[in-house]
PDB file of N, CA and C in Angstrom:
ATOM      1  N   MET A   1      67.915  94.534  95.188  1.00  0.00           N
ATOM      2  CA  MET A   1      69.115  94.567  94.949  1.00  0.00           C
ATOM      3  C   MET A   1      69.508  93.477  94.217  1.00  0.00           C
ATOM      4  N   LYS A   2      70.151  93.422  93.073  1.00  0.00           N
ATOM      5  CA  LYS A   2      70.612  92.226  92.452  1.00  0.00           C
ATOM      6  C   LYS A   2      71.901  91.460  93.038  1.00  0.00           C
ATOM      7  N   ASN A   3      72.006  90.113  92.766  1.00  0.00           N
ATOM      8  CA  ASN A   3      73.193  89.432  93.231  1.00  0.00           C
ATOM      9  C   ASN A   3      73.974  89.207  91.949  1.00  0.00           C
ATOM     10  N   ILE A   4      75.324  89.077  92.181  1.00  0.00           N
ATOM     11  CA  ILE A   4      76.173  88.825  91.119  1.00  0.00           C
ATOM     12  C   ILE A   4      76.938  87.722  91.663  1.00  0.00           C
ATOM     13  N   THR A   5      77.019  86.538  90.711  1.00  0.00           N
ATOM     14  CA  THR A   5      78.087  85.501  90.990  1.00  0.00           C
ATOM     15  C   THR A   5      79.332  85.708  90.627  1.00  0.00           C
ATOM     16  N   VAL A   6      80.321  85.650  91.051  1.00  0.00           N
ATOM     17  CA  VAL A   6      81.831  85.912  90.742  1.00  0.00           C
ATOM     18  C   VAL A   6      82.719  84.565  90.904  1.00  0.00           C
ATOM     19  N   SER A   7      83.214  83.825  90.116  1.00  0.00           N
ATOM     20  CA  SER A   7      84.115  82.753  90.408  1.00  0.00           C
ATOM     21  C   SER A   7      85.680  83.284  90.402  1.00  0.00           C
ATOM     22  N   VAL A   8      86.476  82.912  91.354  1.00  0.00           N
ATOM     23  CA  VAL A   8      87.805  83.216  91.544  1.00  0.00           C
ATOM     24  C   VAL A   8      88.476  81.965  92.213  1.00  0.00           C
ATOM     25  N   ASP A   9      89.826  82.012  91.945  1.00  0.00           N
ATOM     26  CA  ASP A   9      90.569  80.846  92.593  1.00  0.00           C
ATOM     27  C   ASP A   9      90.598  81.171  94.257  1.00  0.00           C
ATOM     28  N   GLU A  10      91.104  80.049  94.791  1.00  0.00           N
ATOM     29  CA  GLU A  10      91.109  80.090  96.504  1.00  0.00           C
ATOM     30  C   GLU A  10      91.896  81.385  97.021  1.00  0.00           C
ATOM     31  N   GLN A  11      93.183  81.471  96.019  1.00  0.00           N
ATOM     32  CA  GLN A  11      94.163  82.314  96.643  1.00  0.00           C
ATOM     33  C   GLN A  11      93.622  83.763  96.642  1.00  0.00           C
ATOM     34  N   LEU A  12      93.057  84.165  95.350  1.00  0.00           N
ATOM     35  CA  LEU A  12      92.535  85.535  95.245  1.00  0.00           C
ATOM     36  C   LEU A  12      91.265  85.626  96.126  1.00  0.00           C
ATOM     37  N   TYR A  13      90.529  84.726  96.430  1.00  0.00           N
ATOM     38  CA  TYR A  13      89.379  84.712  97.461  1.00  0.00           C
ATOM     39  C   TYR A  13      90.167  84.975  98.764  1.00  0.00           C
ATOM     40  N   HIS A  14      90.953  84.343  99.218  1.00  0.00           N
ATOM     41  CA  HIS A  14      91.524  84.563 100.453  1.00  0.00           C
ATOM     42  C   HIS A  14      92.331  86.038 100.660  1.00  0.00           C
ATOM     43  N   GLN A  15      93.002  86.392  99.399  1.00  0.00           N
ATOM     44  CA  GLN A  15      93.727  87.937  99.521  1.00  0.00           C
ATOM     45  C   GLN A  15      92.414  89.074  99.580  1.00  0.00           C
ATOM     46  N   ALA A  16      91.409  88.601  98.898  1.00  0.00           N
ATOM     47  CA  ALA A  16      90.385  89.586  98.917  1.00  0.00           C
ATOM     48  C   ALA A  16      89.449  89.661 100.365  1.00  0.00           C
ATOM     49  N   ARG A  17      89.520  88.513 101.151  1.00  0.00           N
ATOM     50  CA  ARG A  17      88.894  88.464 102.167  1.00  0.00           C
ATOM     51  C   ARG A  17      90.016  89.270 103.350  1.00  0.00           C
ATOM     52  N   VAL A  18      91.339  89.314 103.258  1.00  0.00           N
ATOM     53  CA  VAL A  18      92.316  89.860 103.708  1.00  0.00           C
ATOM     54  C   VAL A  18      92.099  91.223 103.922  1.00  0.00           C
ATOM     55  N   ALA A  19      92.233  91.390 102.490  1.00  0.00           N
ATOM     56  CA  ALA A  19      91.947  93.030 102.194  1.00  0.00           C
ATOM     57  C   ALA A  19      90.548  93.616 102.743  1.00  0.00           C
ATOM     58  N   ALA A  20      89.553  92.908 102.552  1.00  0.00           N
ATOM     59  CA  ALA A  20      88.537  93.423 103.329  1.00  0.00           C
ATOM     60  C   ALA A  20      88.420  93.738 104.816  1.00  0.00           C
ATOM     61  N   ALA A  21      89.013  92.402 105.475  1.00  0.00           N
ATOM     62  CA  ALA A  21      89.251  92.644 106.976  1.00  0.00           C
ATOM     63  C   ALA A  21      90.135  94.081 107.092  1.00  0.00           C
ATOM     64  N   GLN A  22      90.942  94.130 106.539  1.00  0.00           N
ATOM     65  CA  GLN A  22      92.010  95.437 106.654  1.00  0.00           C
ATOM     66  C   GLN A  22      91.148  96.718 106.592  1.00  0.00           C
ATOM     67  N   HIS A  23      90.126  96.663 105.869  1.00  0.00           N
ATOM     68  CA  HIS A  23      89.367  97.753 105.580  1.00  0.00           C
ATOM     69  C   HIS A  23      87.935  97.867 106.484  1.00  0.00           C
ATOM     70  N   HIS A  24      88.028  96.821 107.341  1.00  0.00           N
ATOM     71  CA  HIS A  24      86.698  96.670 108.380  1.00  0.00           C
ATOM     72  C   HIS A  24      85.505  96.208 107.473  1.00  0.00           C
ATOM     73  N   THR A  25      85.485  95.466 106.341  1.00  0.00           N
ATOM     74  CA  THR A  25      84.313  95.316 105.718  1.00  0.00           C
ATOM     75  C   THR A  25      84.367  93.936 105.049  1.00  0.00           C
ATOM     76  N   ASN A  26      83.680  93.566 104.206  1.00  0.00           N
ATOM     77  CA  ASN A  26      83.749  92.329 103.483  1.00  0.00           C
ATOM     78  C   ASN A  26      83.915  92.223 102.071  1.00  0.00           C
ATOM     79  N   VAL A  27      84.085  91.086 101.462  1.00  0.00           N
ATOM     80  CA  VAL A  27      84.262  91.206  99.944  1.00  0.00           C
ATOM     81  C   VAL A  27      83.295  91.958  99.200  1.00  0.00           C
ATOM     82  N   THR A  28      82.214  91.393  99.276  1.00  0.00           N
ATOM     83  CA  THR A  28      80.863  92.079  98.825  1.00  0.00           C
ATOM     84  C   THR A  28      80.989  93.531  98.720  1.00  0.00           C
ATOM     85  N   ALA A  29      81.235  93.996  99.957  1.00  0.00           N
ATOM     86  CA  ALA A  29      81.278  95.830  99.999  1.00  0.00           C
ATOM     87  C   ALA A  29      82.274  96.222  99.285  1.00  0.00           C
ATOM     88  N   LEU A  30      83.490  95.550  99.247  1.00  0.00           N
ATOM     89  CA  LEU A  30      84.746  96.011  98.559  1.00  0.00           C
ATOM     90  C   LEU A  30      84.235  95.841  96.989  1.00  0.00           C
ATOM     91  N   LEU A  31      83.707  94.777  96.439  1.00  0.00           N
ATOM     92  CA  LEU A  31      83.197  94.866  95.132  1.00  0.00           C
ATOM     93  C   LEU A  31      82.233  95.974  94.691  1.00  0.00           C
ATOM     94  N   ARG A  32      81.287  95.990  95.429  1.00  0.00           N
ATOM     95  CA  ARG A  32      80.101  97.242  95.406  1.00  0.00           C
ATOM     96  C   ARG A  32      80.806  98.408  95.276  1.00  0.00           C
ATOM     97  N   ALA A  33      81.848  98.862  96.053  1.00  0.00           N
ATOM     98  CA  ALA A  33      82.641 100.039  96.060  1.00  0.00           C
ATOM     99  C   ALA A  33      83.391 100.188  94.950  1.00  0.00           C
ATOM    100  N   TYR A  34      84.086  99.142  94.476  1.00  0.00           N
ATOM    101  CA  TYR A  34      84.749  99.001  93.116  1.00  0.00           C
ATOM    102  C   TYR A  34      83.763  99.489  91.982  1.00  0.00           C
ATOM    103  N   LEU A  35      82.638  98.757  91.797  1.00  0.00           N
ATOM    104  CA  LEU A  35      81.636  98.892  90.767  1.00  0.00           C
ATOM    105  C   LEU A  35      81.220 100.280  90.791  1.00  0.00           C
ATOM    106  N   ARG A  36      80.729 100.753  91.966  1.00  0.00           N
ATOM    107  CA  ARG A  36      80.373 102.360  92.197  1.00  0.00           C
ATOM    108  C   ARG A  36      81.323 103.068  91.513  1.00  0.00           C
ATOM    109  N   ALA A  37      82.572 103.149  91.612  1.00  0.00           N
ATOM    110  CA  ALA A  37      83.845 103.787  91.377  1.00  0.00           C
ATOM    111  C   ALA A  37      84.049 103.559  89.824  1.00  0.00           C
ATOM    112  N   LEU A  38      83.936 102.507  89.267  1.00  0.00           N
ATOM    113  CA  LEU A  38      84.127 102.190  87.918  1.00  0.00           C
ATOM    114  C   LEU A  38      82.745 102.880  86.943  1.00  0.00           C
ATOM    115  N   VAL A  39      81.747 102.764  87.242  1.00  0.00           N
ATOM    116  CA  VAL A  39      80.782 103.483  86.696  1.00  0.00           C
ATOM    117  C   VAL A  39      80.770 104.807  86.936  1.00  0.00           C
ATOM    118  N   ALA A  40      81.308 105.398  87.803  1.00  0.00           N
ATOM    119  CA  ALA A  40      81.502 106.828  88.087  1.00  0.00           C
ATOM    120  C   ALA A  40      82.681 107.258  87.324  1.00  0.00           C
ATOM    121  N   GLY A  41      83.395 106.347  86.759  1.00  0.00           N
ATOM    122  CA  GLY A  41      84.571 106.870  85.983  1.00  0.00           C
ATOM    123  C   GLY A  41      85.993 107.209  86.838  1.00  0.00           C
ATOM    124  N   LYS A  42      85.953 106.542  88.106  1.00  0.00           N
ATOM    125  CA  LYS A  42      86.698 106.952  89.127  1.00  0.00           C
ATOM    126  C   LYS A  42      87.959 105.714  89.294  1.00  0.00           C
ATOM    127  N   ALA A  43      87.601 104.519  88.625  1.00  0.00           N
ATOM    128  CA  ALA A  43      88.318 103.392  88.812  1.00  0.00           C
ATOM    129  C   ALA A  43      88.661 102.838  87.459  1.00  0.00           C
ATOM    130  N   PRO A  44      89.910 102.553  87.413  1.00  0.00           N
ATOM    131  CA  PRO A  44      90.479 102.111  86.319  1.00  0.00           C
ATOM    132  C   PRO A  44      89.758 100.636  85.390  1.00  0.00           C
ATOM    133  N   LEU A  45      89.649 100.953  84.204  1.00  0.00           N
ATOM    134  CA  LEU A  45      89.439  99.522  83.801  1.00  0.00           C
ATOM    135  C   LEU A  45      90.260  98.777  83.324  1.00  0.00           C
ATOM    136  N   LEU A  46      90.330  97.553  83.198  1.00  0.00           N
ATOM    137  CA  LEU A  46      91.292  96.679  83.022  1.00  0.00           C
ATOM    138  C   LEU A  46      91.853  96.517  81.485  1.00  0.00           C
ATOM    139  N   SER A  47      90.953  97.071  80.745  1.00  0.00           N
ATOM    140  CA  SER A  47      91.457  97.087  79.270  1.00  0.00           C
ATOM    141  C   SER A  47      92.182  98.419  79.040  1.00  0.00           C
ATOM    142  N   GLU A  48      92.191  99.174  79.704  1.00  0.00           N
ATOM    143  CA  GLU A  48      92.881 100.527  79.596  1.00  0.00           C
ATOM    144  C   GLU A  48      94.427 100.156  79.518  1.00  0.00           C
ATOM    145  N   SER A  49      95.108 100.892  78.596  1.00  0.00           N
ATOM    146  CA  SER A  49      96.453 100.570  78.099  1.00  0.00           C
ATOM    147  C   SER A  49      97.305 101.279  79.191  1.00  0.00           C
ATOM    148  N   LYS A  50      98.458 101.000  79.257  1.00  0.00           N
ATOM    149  CA  LYS A  50      99.567 101.830  80.492  1.00  0.00           C
ATOM    150  C   LYS A  50      99.601 103.256  80.047  1.00  0.00           C
ATOM    151  N   GLU A  51      99.514 103.688  78.753  1.00  0.00           N
ATOM    152  CA  GLU A  51      99.672 105.032  78.361  1.00  0.00           C
ATOM    153  C   GLU A  51      98.329 105.898  78.828  1.00  0.00           C
ATOM    154  N   ASP A  52      97.489 105.167  78.667  1.00  0.00           N
ATOM    155  CA  ASP A  52      96.087 105.811  78.969  1.00  0.00           C
ATOM    156  C   ASP A  52      96.061 106.001  80.415  1.00  0.00           C
ATOM    157  N   GLN A  53      96.467 104.941  81.276  1.00  0.00           N
ATOM    158  CA  GLN A  53      96.602 105.260  82.832  1.00  0.00           C
ATOM    159  C   GLN A  53      97.381 106.160  83.192  1.00  0.00           C
ATOM    160  N   GLU A  54      98.728 106.411  82.372  1.00  0.00           N
ATOM    161  CA  GLU A  54      99.763 107.438  82.949  1.00  0.00           C
ATOM    162  C   GLU A  54      99.231 108.666  82.308  1.00  0.00           C
ATOM    163  N   ARG A  55      98.451 108.911  81.264  1.00  0.00           N
ATOM    164  CA  ARG A  55      97.686 110.163  80.985  1.00  0.00           C
ATOM    165  C   ARG A  55      96.710 110.721  81.874  1.00  0.00           C
ATOM    166  N   GLN A  56      95.736 109.708  82.312  1.00  0.00           N
ATOM    167  CA  GLN A  56      94.781 110.252  83.411  1.00  0.00           C
ATOM    168  C   GLN A  56      95.719 110.724  84.787  1.00  0.00           C
ATOM    169  N   ASN A  57      96.801 109.951  85.120  1.00  0.00           N
ATOM    170  CA  ASN A  57      97.409 110.049  86.424  1.00  0.00           C
ATOM    171  C   ASN A  57      98.090 111.630  86.224  1.00  0.00           C
ATOM    172  N   ARG A  58      98.692 111.939  85.069  1.00  0.00           N
ATOM    173  CA  ARG A  58      99.125 113.201  84.861  1.00  0.00           C
ATOM    174  C   ARG A  58      97.990 114.381  84.985  1.00  0.00           C
ATOM    175  N   GLU A  59      96.880 113.961  84.165  1.00  0.00           N
ATOM    176  CA  GLU A  59      95.917 114.943  84.256  1.00  0.00           C
ATOM    177  C   GLU A  59      95.270 115.096  85.638  1.00  0.00           C
ATOM    178  N   GLU A  60      95.215 114.034  86.457  1.00  0.00           N
ATOM    179  CA  GLU A  60      94.866 114.044  87.939  1.00  0.00           C
ATOM    180  C   GLU A  60      95.588 114.837  88.743  1.00  0.00           C
ATOM    181  N   LEU A  61      96.946 114.776  88.602  1.00  0.00           N
ATOM    182  CA  LEU A  61      98.058 115.531  89.318  1.00  0.00           C
ATOM    183  C   LEU A  61      97.931 117.205  88.798  1.00  0.00           C
ATOM    184  N   VAL A  62      97.710 117.398  87.442  1.00  0.00           N
ATOM    185  CA  VAL A  62      97.723 118.749  87.166  1.00  0.00           C
ATOM    186  C   VAL A  62      96.306 119.220  87.911  1.00  0.00           C
ATOM    187  N   ARG A  63      95.332 118.413  87.859  1.00  0.00           N
ATOM    188  CA  ARG A  63      93.877 118.929  88.688  1.00  0.00           C
ATOM    189  C   ARG A  63      94.276 119.352  89.935  1.00  0.00           C
ATOM    190  N   LEU A  64      95.054 118.356  90.761  1.00  0.00           N
ATOM    191  CA  LEU A  64      95.167 118.575  92.250  1.00  0.00           C
ATOM    192  C   LEU A  64      96.178 119.658  92.325  1.00  0.00           C
ATOM    193  N   PHE A  65      97.030 120.072  91.555  1.00  0.00           N
ATOM    194  CA  PHE A  65      97.976 121.182  91.744  1.00  0.00           C
ATOM    195  C   PHE A  65      97.263 122.517  91.472  1.00  0.00           C
ATOM    196  N   ARG A  66      96.335 122.500  90.539  1.00  0.00           N
ATOM    197  CA  ARG A  66      95.508 123.688  90.271  1.00  0.00           C
ATOM    198  C   ARG A  66      94.352 123.913  91.441  1.00  0.00           C
ATOM    199  N   ALA A  67      94.121 122.796  91.824  1.00  0.00           N
ATOM    200  CA  ALA A  67      92.835 123.006  92.986  1.00  0.00           C
ATOM    201  C   ALA A  67      93.864 123.470  94.129  1.00  0.00           C
ATOM    202  N   ALA A  68      94.924 122.996  94.322  1.00  0.00           N
ATOM    203  CA  ALA A  68      95.829 123.636  95.626  1.00  0.00           C
ATOM    204  C   ALA A  68      96.276 125.000  95.406  1.00  0.00           C
ATOM    205  N   ASN A  69      96.230 125.555  94.200  1.00  0.00           N
ATOM    206  CA  ASN A  69      96.868 126.918  93.664  1.00  0.00           C
ATOM    207  C   ASN A  69      98.493 126.568  93.908  1.00  0.00           C
ATOM    208  N   LEU A  70      98.980 125.545  93.423  1.00  0.00           N
ATOM    209  CA  LEU A  70     100.480 125.567  93.645  1.00  0.00           C
ATOM    210  C   LEU A  70     100.996 125.891  92.342  1.00  0.00           C
ATOM    211  N   GLU A  71     101.872 126.624  92.508  1.00  0.00           N
ATOM    212  CA  GLU A  71     102.951 127.165  91.410  1.00  0.00           C
ATOM    213  C   GLU A  71     104.289 126.609  91.515  1.00  0.00           C
ATOM    214  N   LEU A  72     104.873 126.109  90.360  1.00  0.00           N
ATOM    215  CA  LEU A  72     106.314 125.966  90.361  1.00  0.00           C
ATOM    216  C   LEU A  72     107.045 127.314  90.121  1.00  0.00           C
ATOM    217  N   GLY A  73     107.954 127.349  91.187  1.00  0.00           N
ATOM    218  CA  GLY A  73     108.803 128.825  91.034  1.00  0.00           C
ATOM    219  C   GLY A  73     109.847 128.685  90.192  1.00  0.00           C
ATOM    220  N   TYR A  74     110.511 129.748  90.208  1.00  0.00           N
ATOM    221  CA  TYR A  74     111.748 130.015  89.253  1.00  0.00           C
ATOM    222  C   TYR A  74     112.833 128.925  89.628  1.00  0.00           C
ATOM    223  N   GLN A  75     113.157 128.472  88.394  1.00  0.00           N
ATOM    224  CA  GLN A  75     114.282 127.308  88.337  1.00  0.00           C
ATOM    225  C   GLN A  75     115.393 127.829  87.615  1.00  0.00           C
ATOM    226  N   PRO A  76     116.409 127.880  88.269  1.00  0.00           N
ATOM    227  CA  PRO A  76     117.902 128.710  87.594  1.00  0.00           C
ATOM    228  C   PRO A  76     118.186 127.336  86.968  1.00  0.00           C
ATOM    229  N   ASN A  77     118.916 127.946  85.575  1.00  0.00           N
ATOM    230  CA  ASN A  77     119.882 126.769  84.943  1.00  0.00           C
ATOM    231  C   ASN A  77     120.795 126.085  85.725  1.00  0.00           C
ATOM    232  N   ARG A  78     121.475 125.416  85.124  1.00  0.00           N
ATOM    233  CA  ARG A  78     122.883 124.563  85.989  1.00  0.00           C
ATOM    234  C   ARG A  78     123.789 125.919  86.282  1.00  0.00           C
ATOM    235  N   ASP A  79     124.156 126.461  85.225  1.00  0.00           N
ATOM    236  CA  ASP A  79     125.287 127.512  85.410  1.00  0.00           C
ATOM    237  C   ASP A  79     124.872 128.487  86.542  1.00  0.00           C
ATOM    238  N   LYS A  80     123.733 129.274  86.566  1.00  0.00           N
ATOM    239  CA  LYS A  80     123.230 130.173  87.607  1.00  0.00           C
ATOM    240  C   LYS A  80     123.250 129.336  89.235  1.00  0.00           C
ATOM    241  N   THR A  81     122.956 128.059  89.168  1.00  0.00           N
ATOM    242  CA  THR A  81     122.847 127.153  90.355  1.00  0.00           C
ATOM    243  C   THR A  81     124.315 127.064  91.014  1.00  0.00           C
ATOM    244  N   TYR A  82     125.299 126.882  90.067  1.00  0.00           N
ATOM    245  CA  TYR A  82     126.728 126.698  90.552  1.00  0.00           C
ATOM    246  C   TYR A  82     127.304 127.995  90.707  1.00  0.00           C
ATOM    247  N   GLU A  83     126.837 129.002  90.129  1.00  0.00           N
ATOM    248  CA  GLU A  83     127.631 130.537  90.076  1.00  0.00           C
ATOM    249  C   GLU A  83     128.394 130.628  91.529  1.00  0.00           C
ATOM    250  N   ARG A  84     129.463 131.054  91.508  1.00  0.00           N
ATOM    251  CA  ARG A  84     129.964 131.464  93.100  1.00  0.00           C
ATOM    252  C   ARG A  84     130.524 132.753  92.934  1.00  0.00           C
TER     253      ARG A  84
END
């Protein structure tokens, strides 16, 4: 296994340790999990644009709806809704 040295400021290091503790792990394991997700295409790259992230979120939502076999039902227009 290879080692990677990463330099971060004190505040980020402290926040990372707190986050790791909340997940009952350590910073190294968090970074390892993130890198695995990144190379598997399941973690966002920092260079992605907001539009790319939104597109990916929409695609994931569509995929989840299809996987759950959910369909949107009939949606009446405003006049039908308020017809008395």
